[in-house]
PDB file of N, CA and C in Angstrom:
ATOM      1  N   UNK A   1       0.916  -1.347   0.064  1.00  0.00           N
ATOM      2  CA  UNK A   1       0.016   0.137   0.213  1.00  0.00           C
ATOM      3  C   UNK A   1       1.003   1.500  -0.149  1.00  0.00           C
ATOM      4  N   UNK A   2       1.121   2.391  -0.644  1.00  0.00           N
ATOM      5  CA  UNK A   2       1.272   3.024  -1.338  1.00  0.00           C
ATOM      6  C   UNK A   2       0.694   4.363   0.312  1.00  0.00           C
ATOM      7  N   UNK A   3       1.750   4.994   0.697  1.00  0.00           N
ATOM      8  CA  UNK A   3       1.658   5.855   1.574  1.00  0.00           C
ATOM      9  C   UNK A   3       1.049   6.896   0.825  1.00  0.00           C
ATOM     10  N   UNK A   4       0.272   7.763   1.884  1.00  0.00           N
ATOM     11  CA  UNK A   4      -0.443   9.381   1.942  1.00  0.00           C
ATOM     12  C   UNK A   4       0.565  10.798   2.247  1.00  0.00           C
ATOM     13  N   UNK A   5       0.517  11.019   0.966  1.00  0.00           N
ATOM     14  CA  UNK A   5       1.497  12.467   1.658  1.00  0.00           C
ATOM     15  C   UNK A   5       1.097  12.740   2.562  1.00  0.00           C
ATOM     16  N   UNK A   6       0.313  13.235   2.910  1.00  0.00           N
ATOM     17  CA  UNK A   6      -0.273  13.198   4.631  1.00  0.00           C
ATOM     18  C   UNK A   6       0.626  12.305   5.714  1.00  0.00           C
ATOM     19  N   UNK A   7      -0.067  11.032   5.672  1.00  0.00           N
ATOM     20  CA  UNK A   7       1.196  10.281   6.679  1.00  0.00           C
ATOM     21  C   UNK A   7       2.636  10.246   6.513  1.00  0.00           C
ATOM     22  N   UNK A   8       3.076  10.915   4.979  1.00  0.00           N
ATOM     23  CA  UNK A   8       4.736  10.921   5.237  1.00  0.00           C
ATOM     24  C   UNK A   8       5.210  11.750   6.281  1.00  0.00           C
ATOM     25  N   UNK A   9       4.360  13.386   6.231  1.00  0.00           N
ATOM     26  CA  UNK A   9       3.733  14.616   6.596  1.00  0.00           C
ATOM     27  C   UNK A   9       4.339  14.305   8.087  1.00  0.00           C
ATOM     28  N   UNK A  10       3.792  13.866   8.699  1.00  0.00           N
ATOM     29  CA  UNK A  10       2.863  13.209  10.017  1.00  0.00           C
ATOM     30  C   UNK A  10       4.342  12.059  10.707  1.00  0.00           C
ATOM     31  N   UNK A  11       4.784  11.386   9.737  1.00  0.00           N
ATOM     32  CA  UNK A  11       6.269  10.631  10.372  1.00  0.00           C
ATOM     33  C   UNK A  11       7.315  11.682  10.419  1.00  0.00           C
ATOM     34  N   UNK A  12       8.120  12.365   9.172  1.00  0.00           N
ATOM     35  CA  UNK A  12       8.999  13.489   9.624  1.00  0.00           C
ATOM     36  C   UNK A  12       8.386  13.841  10.318  1.00  0.00           C
ATOM     37  N   UNK A  13       7.389  14.616  10.383  1.00  0.00           N
ATOM     38  CA  UNK A  13       7.173  15.658  12.437  1.00  0.00           C
ATOM     39  C   UNK A  13       7.546  15.382  13.582  1.00  0.00           C
ATOM     40  N   UNK A  14       7.070  14.002  13.445  1.00  0.00           N
ATOM     41  CA  UNK A  14       6.981  13.361  13.847  1.00  0.00           C
ATOM     42  C   UNK A  14       8.577  12.265  14.249  1.00  0.00           C
ATOM     43  N   UNK A  15       9.255  12.653  13.734  1.00  0.00           N
ATOM     44  CA  UNK A  15      10.673  12.073  13.433  1.00  0.00           C
ATOM     45  C   UNK A  15      11.386  13.510  13.778  1.00  0.00           C
ATOM     46  N   UNK A  16      11.058  14.247  14.017  1.00  0.00           N
ATOM     47  CA  UNK A  16      11.990  14.848  13.801  1.00  0.00           C
ATOM     48  C   UNK A  16      11.152  16.066  15.724  1.00  0.00           C
ATOM     49  N   UNK A  17       9.979  15.922  15.752  1.00  0.00           N
ATOM     50  CA  UNK A  17       9.804  16.821  17.190  1.00  0.00           C
ATOM     51  C   UNK A  17       9.207  15.461  18.144  1.00  0.00           C
ATOM     52  N   UNK A  18       8.006  14.856  18.018  1.00  0.00           N
ATOM     53  CA  UNK A  18       7.542  13.920  18.930  1.00  0.00           C
ATOM     54  C   UNK A  18       6.437  12.478  18.579  1.00  0.00           C
ATOM     55  N   UNK A  19       7.005  11.511  18.954  1.00  0.00           N
ATOM     56  CA  UNK A  19       5.291  11.347  17.683  1.00  0.00           C
ATOM     57  C   UNK A  19       3.871  10.892  19.097  1.00  0.00           C
ATOM     58  N   UNK A  20       3.307  11.741  18.288  1.00  0.00           N
ATOM     59  CA  UNK A  20       1.557  11.536  18.756  1.00  0.00           C
ATOM     60  C   UNK A  20       1.391  10.789  19.182  1.00  0.00           C
ATOM     61  N   UNK A  21       1.352   9.961  19.060  1.00  0.00           N
ATOM     62  CA  UNK A  21       0.176   8.525  19.402  1.00  0.00           C
ATOM     63  C   UNK A  21      -0.746   8.579  19.135  1.00  0.00           C
ATOM     64  N   UNK A  22      -1.579   9.551  17.285  1.00  0.00           N
ATOM     65  CA  UNK A  22      -2.167   9.173  17.023  1.00  0.00           C
ATOM     66  C   UNK A  22      -2.527   8.901  15.707  1.00  0.00           C
ATOM     67  N   UNK A  23      -2.794   8.141  14.704  1.00  0.00           N
ATOM     68  CA  UNK A  23      -2.683   8.446  13.425  1.00  0.00           C
ATOM     69  C   UNK A  23      -3.664   9.943  12.758  1.00  0.00           C
ATOM     70  N   UNK A  24      -3.047  11.059  12.783  1.00  0.00           N
ATOM     71  CA  UNK A  24      -3.696  11.858  11.961  1.00  0.00           C
ATOM     72  C   UNK A  24      -4.777  12.386  11.062  1.00  0.00           C
ATOM     73  N   UNK A  25      -4.769  11.000  10.985  1.00  0.00           N
ATOM     74  CA  UNK A  25      -5.648  11.310   8.935  1.00  0.00           C
ATOM     75  C   UNK A  25      -6.870  10.899   9.542  1.00  0.00           C
ATOM     76  N   UNK A  26      -6.475  10.136  10.511  1.00  0.00           N
ATOM     77  CA  UNK A  26      -8.242   9.842  11.241  1.00  0.00           C
ATOM     78  C   UNK A  26      -8.718  11.262  11.066  1.00  0.00           C
ATOM     79  N   UNK A  27      -8.891  12.443  12.159  1.00  0.00           N
ATOM     80  CA  UNK A  27      -8.524  13.464  12.201  1.00  0.00           C
ATOM     81  C   UNK A  27      -8.997  14.235  11.344  1.00  0.00           C
ATOM     82  N   UNK A  28      -8.711  13.654   9.475  1.00  0.00           N
ATOM     83  CA  UNK A  28      -9.043  15.039   9.033  1.00  0.00           C
ATOM     84  C   UNK A  28     -10.878  14.354   9.016  1.00  0.00           C
ATOM     85  N   UNK A  29     -11.638  15.639   8.298  1.00  0.00           N
ATOM     86  CA  UNK A  29     -12.855  15.855   7.920  1.00  0.00           C
ATOM     87  C   UNK A  29     -13.203  16.367   6.959  1.00  0.00           C
ATOM     88  N   UNK A  30     -14.259  16.316   7.025  1.00  0.00           N
ATOM     89  CA  UNK A  30     -15.603  17.288   5.655  1.00  0.00           C
ATOM     90  C   UNK A  30     -15.178  18.016   5.134  1.00  0.00           C
ATOM     91  N   UNK A  31     -15.483  19.084   4.342  1.00  0.00           N
ATOM     92  CA  UNK A  31     -16.221  20.611   4.621  1.00  0.00           C
ATOM     93  C   UNK A  31     -17.865  20.433   5.576  1.00  0.00           C
ATOM     94  N   UNK A  32     -18.414  19.351   5.332  1.00  0.00           N
ATOM     95  CA  UNK A  32     -19.774  19.888   6.290  1.00  0.00           C
ATOM     96  C   UNK A  32     -19.440  20.226   7.725  1.00  0.00           C
ATOM     97  N   UNK A  33     -18.703  19.200   8.177  1.00  0.00           N
ATOM     98  CA  UNK A  33     -18.041  19.111   9.632  1.00  0.00           C
ATOM     99  C   UNK A  33     -17.366  20.144   9.626  1.00  0.00           C
ATOM    100  N   UNK A  34     -16.344  20.387   8.773  1.00  0.00           N
ATOM    101  CA  UNK A  34     -15.644  22.084   9.059  1.00  0.00           C
ATOM    102  C   UNK A  34     -16.692  23.530   9.061  1.00  0.00           C
ATOM    103  N   UNK A  35     -17.865  23.238   8.542  1.00  0.00           N
ATOM    104  CA  UNK A  35     -18.381  24.259   9.138  1.00  0.00           C
ATOM    105  C   UNK A  35     -19.686  24.526   9.948  1.00  0.00           C
ATOM    106  N   UNK A  36     -19.286  23.514  10.361  1.00  0.00           N
ATOM    107  CA  UNK A  36     -20.136  22.769  11.367  1.00  0.00           C
ATOM    108  C   UNK A  36     -19.587  24.017  12.553  1.00  0.00           C
ATOM    109  N   UNK A  37     -18.372  22.885  13.193  1.00  0.00           N
ATOM    110  CA  UNK A  37     -17.340  23.153  14.011  1.00  0.00           C
ATOM    111  C   UNK A  37     -17.025  24.088  13.635  1.00  0.00           C
ATOM    112  N   UNK A  38     -17.189  25.538  12.693  1.00  0.00           N
ATOM    113  CA  UNK A  38     -16.537  26.461  12.915  1.00  0.00           C
ATOM    114  C   UNK A  38     -18.181  27.544  13.592  1.00  0.00           C
ATOM    115  N   UNK A  39     -19.112  27.442  12.897  1.00  0.00           N
ATOM    116  CA  UNK A  39     -19.478  27.873  13.526  1.00  0.00           C
ATOM    117  C   UNK A  39     -19.531  27.805  15.579  1.00  0.00           C
ATOM    118  N   UNK A  40     -19.419  27.005  14.730  1.00  0.00           N
ATOM    119  CA  UNK A  40     -19.566  26.289  17.241  1.00  0.00           C
ATOM    120  C   UNK A  40     -18.588  27.197  17.502  1.00  0.00           C
ATOM    121  N   UNK A  41     -16.954  27.516  17.055  1.00  0.00           N
ATOM    122  CA  UNK A  41     -16.805  28.173  17.497  1.00  0.00           C
ATOM    123  C   UNK A  41     -16.880  29.672  17.336  1.00  0.00           C
ATOM    124  N   UNK A  42     -17.881  29.700  16.554  1.00  0.00           N
ATOM    125  CA  UNK A  42     -18.206  31.717  16.675  1.00  0.00           C
ATOM    126  C   UNK A  42     -17.170  32.907  15.536  1.00  0.00           C
ATOM    127  N   UNK A  43     -16.826  34.125  16.466  1.00  0.00           N
ATOM    128  CA  UNK A  43     -16.171  34.692  15.585  1.00  0.00           C
ATOM    129  C   UNK A  43     -14.747  34.699  15.574  1.00  0.00           C
ATOM    130  N   UNK A  44     -13.817  34.207  16.099  1.00  0.00           N
ATOM    131  CA  UNK A  44     -12.396  33.310  16.064  1.00  0.00           C
ATOM    132  C   UNK A  44     -12.537  32.724  14.722  1.00  0.00           C
ATOM    133  N   UNK A  45     -13.777  32.008  14.668  1.00  0.00           N
ATOM    134  CA  UNK A  45     -13.461  31.343  13.382  1.00  0.00           C
ATOM    135  C   UNK A  45     -12.533  31.758  11.956  1.00  0.00           C
ATOM    136  N   UNK A  46     -13.791  33.203  12.485  1.00  0.00           N
ATOM    137  CA  UNK A  46     -13.370  34.126  11.456  1.00  0.00           C
ATOM    138  C   UNK A  46     -11.914  34.654  10.586  1.00  0.00           C
ATOM    139  N   UNK A  47     -10.177  34.019  11.708  1.00  0.00           N
ATOM    140  CA  UNK A  47      -9.977  34.286  11.241  1.00  0.00           C
ATOM    141  C   UNK A  47      -9.024  33.194  10.303  1.00  0.00           C
ATOM    142  N   UNK A  48      -9.530  31.897  10.667  1.00  0.00           N
ATOM    143  CA  UNK A  48      -8.830  30.934   9.450  1.00  0.00           C
ATOM    144  C   UNK A  48      -8.991  30.966   8.866  1.00  0.00           C
ATOM    145  N   UNK A  49      -8.118  30.259   8.435  1.00  0.00           N
ATOM    146  CA  UNK A  49      -8.238  29.764   6.412  1.00  0.00           C
ATOM    147  C   UNK A  49      -9.013  29.027   5.632  1.00  0.00           C
ATOM    148  N   UNK A  50      -9.800  29.575   4.958  1.00  0.00           N
ATOM    149  CA  UNK A  50     -11.048  28.380   3.909  1.00  0.00           C
ATOM    150  C   UNK A  50     -10.412  27.393   3.086  1.00  0.00           C
ATOM    151  N   UNK A  51      -9.555  27.656   3.116  1.00  0.00           N
ATOM    152  CA  UNK A  51      -8.072  26.358   2.613  1.00  0.00           C
ATOM    153  C   UNK A  51      -8.364  25.571   3.092  1.00  0.00           C
ATOM    154  N   UNK A  52      -7.794  25.866   4.883  1.00  0.00           N
ATOM    155  CA  UNK A  52      -7.319  25.025   5.576  1.00  0.00           C
ATOM    156  C   UNK A  52      -7.548  25.200   7.031  1.00  0.00           C
ATOM    157  N   UNK A  53      -7.636  24.303   8.427  1.00  0.00           N
ATOM    158  CA  UNK A  53      -8.395  24.844   8.589  1.00  0.00           C
ATOM    159  C   UNK A  53      -7.913  23.375   9.972  1.00  0.00           C
ATOM    160  N   UNK A  54      -7.633  23.638  11.385  1.00  0.00           N
ATOM    161  CA  UNK A  54      -7.892  22.383  12.369  1.00  0.00           C
ATOM    162  C   UNK A  54      -8.371  22.997  13.645  1.00  0.00           C
ATOM    163  N   UNK A  55      -9.285  22.132  13.620  1.00  0.00           N
ATOM    164  CA  UNK A  55      -9.935  22.073  15.080  1.00  0.00           C
ATOM    165  C   UNK A  55      -9.475  21.884  16.870  1.00  0.00           C
ATOM    166  N   UNK A  56      -9.418  22.415  16.989  1.00  0.00           N
ATOM    167  CA  UNK A  56      -8.777  21.684  18.766  1.00  0.00           C
ATOM    168  C   UNK A  56      -9.887  22.043  20.026  1.00  0.00           C
ATOM    169  N   UNK A  57     -10.156  21.232  20.594  1.00  0.00           N
ATOM    170  CA  UNK A  57     -11.347  20.778  21.292  1.00  0.00           C
ATOM    171  C   UNK A  57     -11.112  20.244  22.735  1.00  0.00           C
ATOM    172  N   UNK A  58     -10.394  20.510  24.202  1.00  0.00           N
ATOM    173  CA  UNK A  58     -10.711  19.595  25.054  1.00  0.00           C
ATOM    174  C   UNK A  58     -11.489  19.537  26.170  1.00  0.00           C
ATOM    175  N   UNK A  59     -11.224  18.421  26.040  1.00  0.00           N
ATOM    176  CA  UNK A  59     -12.894  18.408  27.274  1.00  0.00           C
ATOM    177  C   UNK A  59     -12.510  17.196  28.457  1.00  0.00           C
ATOM    178  N   UNK A  60     -12.662  17.526  29.791  1.00  0.00           N
ATOM    179  CA  UNK A  60     -12.271  16.358  30.462  1.00  0.00           C
ATOM    180  C   UNK A  60     -10.361  16.227  29.984  1.00  0.00           C
ATOM    181  N   UNK A  61      -9.995  15.404  29.871  1.00  0.00           N
ATOM    182  CA  UNK A  61      -8.924  14.427  29.810  1.00  0.00           C
ATOM    183  C   UNK A  61      -8.303  14.218  28.319  1.00  0.00           C
ATOM    184  N   UNK A  62      -9.153  15.012  27.922  1.00  0.00           N
ATOM    185  CA  UNK A  62      -9.446  14.376  26.529  1.00  0.00           C
ATOM    186  C   UNK A  62      -8.599  15.120  25.157  1.00  0.00           C
ATOM    187  N   UNK A  63      -8.048  15.430  24.475  1.00  0.00           N
ATOM    188  CA  UNK A  63      -8.198  16.131  23.088  1.00  0.00           C
ATOM    189  C   UNK A  63      -8.871  15.889  21.608  1.00  0.00           C
ATOM    190  N   UNK A  64      -9.671  16.850  21.950  1.00  0.00           N
ATOM    191  CA  UNK A  64     -10.259  15.893  20.146  1.00  0.00           C
ATOM    192  C   UNK A  64      -9.381  16.958  19.351  1.00  0.00           C
ATOM    193  N   UNK A  65      -9.112  16.520  17.944  1.00  0.00           N
ATOM    194  CA  UNK A  65      -8.494  16.972  16.784  1.00  0.00           C
ATOM    195  C   UNK A  65      -9.534  16.773  15.288  1.00  0.00           C
ATOM    196  N   UNK A  66     -10.160  17.580  14.778  1.00  0.00           N
ATOM    197  CA  UNK A  66      -9.987  17.865  13.669  1.00  0.00           C
ATOM    198  C   UNK A  66      -9.179  18.385  13.029  1.00  0.00           C
ATOM    199  N   UNK A  67      -8.535  17.933  11.467  1.00  0.00           N
ATOM    200  CA  UNK A  67      -8.894  18.762  10.344  1.00  0.00           C
ATOM    201  C   UNK A  67      -8.858  18.958   8.940  1.00  0.00           C
ATOM    202  N   UNK A  68      -8.985  19.412   8.404  1.00  0.00           N
ATOM    203  CA  UNK A  68      -9.500  20.064   7.392  1.00  0.00           C
ATOM    204  C   UNK A  68      -9.036  20.381   6.203  1.00  0.00           C
ATOM    205  N   UNK A  69      -9.256  20.112   5.058  1.00  0.00           N
ATOM    206  CA  UNK A  69      -8.109  19.743   3.434  1.00  0.00           C
ATOM    207  C   UNK A  69      -9.514  21.223   2.556  1.00  0.00           C
ATOM    208  N   UNK A  70     -10.142  21.804   2.148  1.00  0.00           N
ATOM    209  CA  UNK A  70     -10.607  21.960   1.185  1.00  0.00           C
ATOM    210  C   UNK A  70     -10.126  21.013  -0.342  1.00  0.00           C
ATOM    211  N   UNK A  71     -11.081  20.845  -1.347  1.00  0.00           N
ATOM    212  CA  UNK A  71     -10.570  20.041  -2.483  1.00  0.00           C
ATOM    213  C   UNK A  71      -9.940  21.091  -3.191  1.00  0.00           C
ATOM    214  N   UNK A  72     -10.227  21.737  -3.093  1.00  0.00           N
ATOM    215  CA  UNK A  72      -8.900  22.386  -4.340  1.00  0.00           C
ATOM    216  C   UNK A  72      -7.849  22.440  -3.923  1.00  0.00           C
ATOM    217  N   UNK A  73      -7.887  22.315  -2.179  1.00  0.00           N
ATOM    218  CA  UNK A  73      -5.899  22.250  -1.646  1.00  0.00           C
ATOM    219  C   UNK A  73      -5.411  20.593  -2.064  1.00  0.00           C
ATOM    220  N   UNK A  74      -6.749  20.294  -1.617  1.00  0.00           N
ATOM    221  CA  UNK A  74      -6.502  18.978  -2.437  1.00  0.00           C
ATOM    222  C   UNK A  74      -5.460  18.328  -4.062  1.00  0.00           C
ATOM    223  N   UNK A  75      -6.188  18.659  -4.735  1.00  0.00           N
ATOM    224  CA  UNK A  75      -6.252  18.384  -6.289  1.00  0.00           C
ATOM    225  C   UNK A  75      -5.316  19.615  -5.905  1.00  0.00           C
ATOM    226  N   UNK A  76      -4.704  20.611  -5.527  1.00  0.00           N
ATOM    227  CA  UNK A  76      -3.279  20.894  -6.502  1.00  0.00           C
ATOM    228  C   UNK A  76      -1.927  20.103  -5.969  1.00  0.00           C
ATOM    229  N   UNK A  77      -2.085  19.533  -4.522  1.00  0.00           N
ATOM    230  CA  UNK A  77      -1.014  18.826  -4.014  1.00  0.00           C
ATOM    231  C   UNK A  77      -1.801  17.433  -4.496  1.00  0.00           C
ATOM    232  N   UNK A  78      -2.120  17.026  -5.563  1.00  0.00           N
ATOM    233  CA  UNK A  78      -2.305  15.538  -5.893  1.00  0.00           C
ATOM    234  C   UNK A  78      -1.659  15.923  -7.835  1.00  0.00           C
ATOM    235  N   UNK A  79      -2.197  17.075  -7.918  1.00  0.00           N
ATOM    236  CA  UNK A  79      -1.702  17.923  -9.375  1.00  0.00           C
ATOM    237  C   UNK A  79      -0.368  18.410  -9.635  1.00  0.00           C
ATOM    238  N   UNK A  80      -0.011  19.131  -8.125  1.00  0.00           N
ATOM    239  CA  UNK A  80       1.819  19.299  -8.236  1.00  0.00           C
ATOM    240  C   UNK A  80       2.293  18.093  -6.768  1.00  0.00           C
ATOM    241  N   UNK A  81       2.361  17.368  -6.310  1.00  0.00           N
ATOM    242  CA  UNK A  81       2.848  16.616  -5.460  1.00  0.00           C
ATOM    243  C   UNK A  81       4.456  16.730  -4.998  1.00  0.00           C
ATOM    244  N   UNK A  82       4.273  17.441  -3.673  1.00  0.00           N
ATOM    245  CA  UNK A  82       5.918  17.897  -3.063  1.00  0.00           C
ATOM    246  C   UNK A  82       6.547  17.073  -3.019  1.00  0.00           C
ATOM    247  N   UNK A  83       6.318  15.863  -3.034  1.00  0.00           N
ATOM    248  CA  UNK A  83       7.731  14.739  -3.044  1.00  0.00           C
ATOM    249  C   UNK A  83       7.982  14.084  -4.183  1.00  0.00           C
ATOM    250  N   UNK A  84       7.517  14.588  -5.172  1.00  0.00           N
ATOM    251  CA  UNK A  84       8.525  14.713  -6.690  1.00  0.00           C
ATOM    252  C   UNK A  84       9.283  15.899  -6.689  1.00  0.00           C
ATOM    253  N   UNK A  85       9.983  16.959  -5.584  1.00  0.00           N
ATOM    254  CA  UNK A  85      10.027  18.461  -5.354  1.00  0.00           C
ATOM    255  C   UNK A  85       8.320  19.573  -5.583  1.00  0.00           C
ATOM    256  N   UNK A  86       9.978  20.293  -4.704  1.00  0.00           N
ATOM    257  CA  UNK A  86       9.230  22.050  -4.302  1.00  0.00           C
ATOM    258  C   UNK A  86       9.267  22.834  -5.462  1.00  0.00           C
ATOM    259  N   UNK A  87       7.967  23.696  -5.382  1.00  0.00           N
ATOM    260  CA  UNK A  87       8.252  24.702  -6.917  1.00  0.00           C
ATOM    261  C   UNK A  87       7.407  25.324  -6.354  1.00  0.00           C
ATOM    262  N   UNK A  88       7.890  26.508  -7.155  1.00  0.00           N
ATOM    263  CA  UNK A  88       6.648  27.217  -7.166  1.00  0.00           C
ATOM    264  C   UNK A  88       4.689  27.171  -7.421  1.00  0.00           C
ATOM    265  N   UNK A  89       5.122  26.311  -7.913  1.00  0.00           N
ATOM    266  CA  UNK A  89       3.682  25.970  -8.185  1.00  0.00           C
ATOM    267  C   UNK A  89       2.984  24.848  -6.804  1.00  0.00           C
ATOM    268  N   UNK A  90       3.514  24.663  -5.971  1.00  0.00           N
ATOM    269  CA  UNK A  90       3.239  23.728  -4.481  1.00  0.00           C
ATOM    270  C   UNK A  90       4.001  24.414  -3.464  1.00  0.00           C
ATOM    271  N   UNK A  91       4.601  25.014  -3.277  1.00  0.00           N
ATOM    272  CA  UNK A  91       5.375  25.557  -2.078  1.00  0.00           C
ATOM    273  C   UNK A  91       3.577  26.057  -1.516  1.00  0.00           C
ATOM    274  N   UNK A  92       2.837  27.109  -1.829  1.00  0.00           N
ATOM    275  CA  UNK A  92       2.341  27.565  -1.208  1.00  0.00           C
ATOM    276  C   UNK A  92       0.718  26.388  -0.392  1.00  0.00           C
ATOM    277  N   UNK A  93       0.797  25.796  -1.723  1.00  0.00           N
ATOM    278  CA  UNK A  93      -0.218  24.598  -1.378  1.00  0.00           C
ATOM    279  C   UNK A  93       0.066  23.417   0.337  1.00  0.00           C
ATOM    280  N   UNK A  94       1.267  23.099  -0.125  1.00  0.00           N
ATOM    281  CA  UNK A  94       2.040  22.105   1.375  1.00  0.00           C
ATOM    282  C   UNK A  94       1.875  23.377   2.873  1.00  0.00           C
ATOM    283  N   UNK A  95       2.438  24.575   2.838  1.00  0.00           N
ATOM    284  CA  UNK A  95       2.717  25.389   3.373  1.00  0.00           C
ATOM    285  C   UNK A  95       1.019  25.971   4.305  1.00  0.00           C
ATOM    286  N   UNK A  96       0.425  25.337   3.636  1.00  0.00           N
ATOM    287  CA  UNK A  96      -1.089  26.192   3.952  1.00  0.00           C
ATOM    288  C   UNK A  96      -1.042  25.399   5.991  1.00  0.00           C
TER     289      UNK A  96
END
């Protein structure tokens, strides 16, 4: 099975910083969930980028994570895969 770009990024971050203990791909949410969480976040959500968002909620001793990537961003990364090299055509999409 081929590794996804997202799983490779997670592996590199964990190697550099620390293990997170969860598979971040399990935290990826769809647009409908992103819209719902943005409404719950209220005015502060207006500060978030529409292209990609990360939601964090701490409840008791649990941390809940939601990661959203727009279809446009996914298309850009698939069209100009950064694993093949970084250039002007993909660096902005990668660092969003």
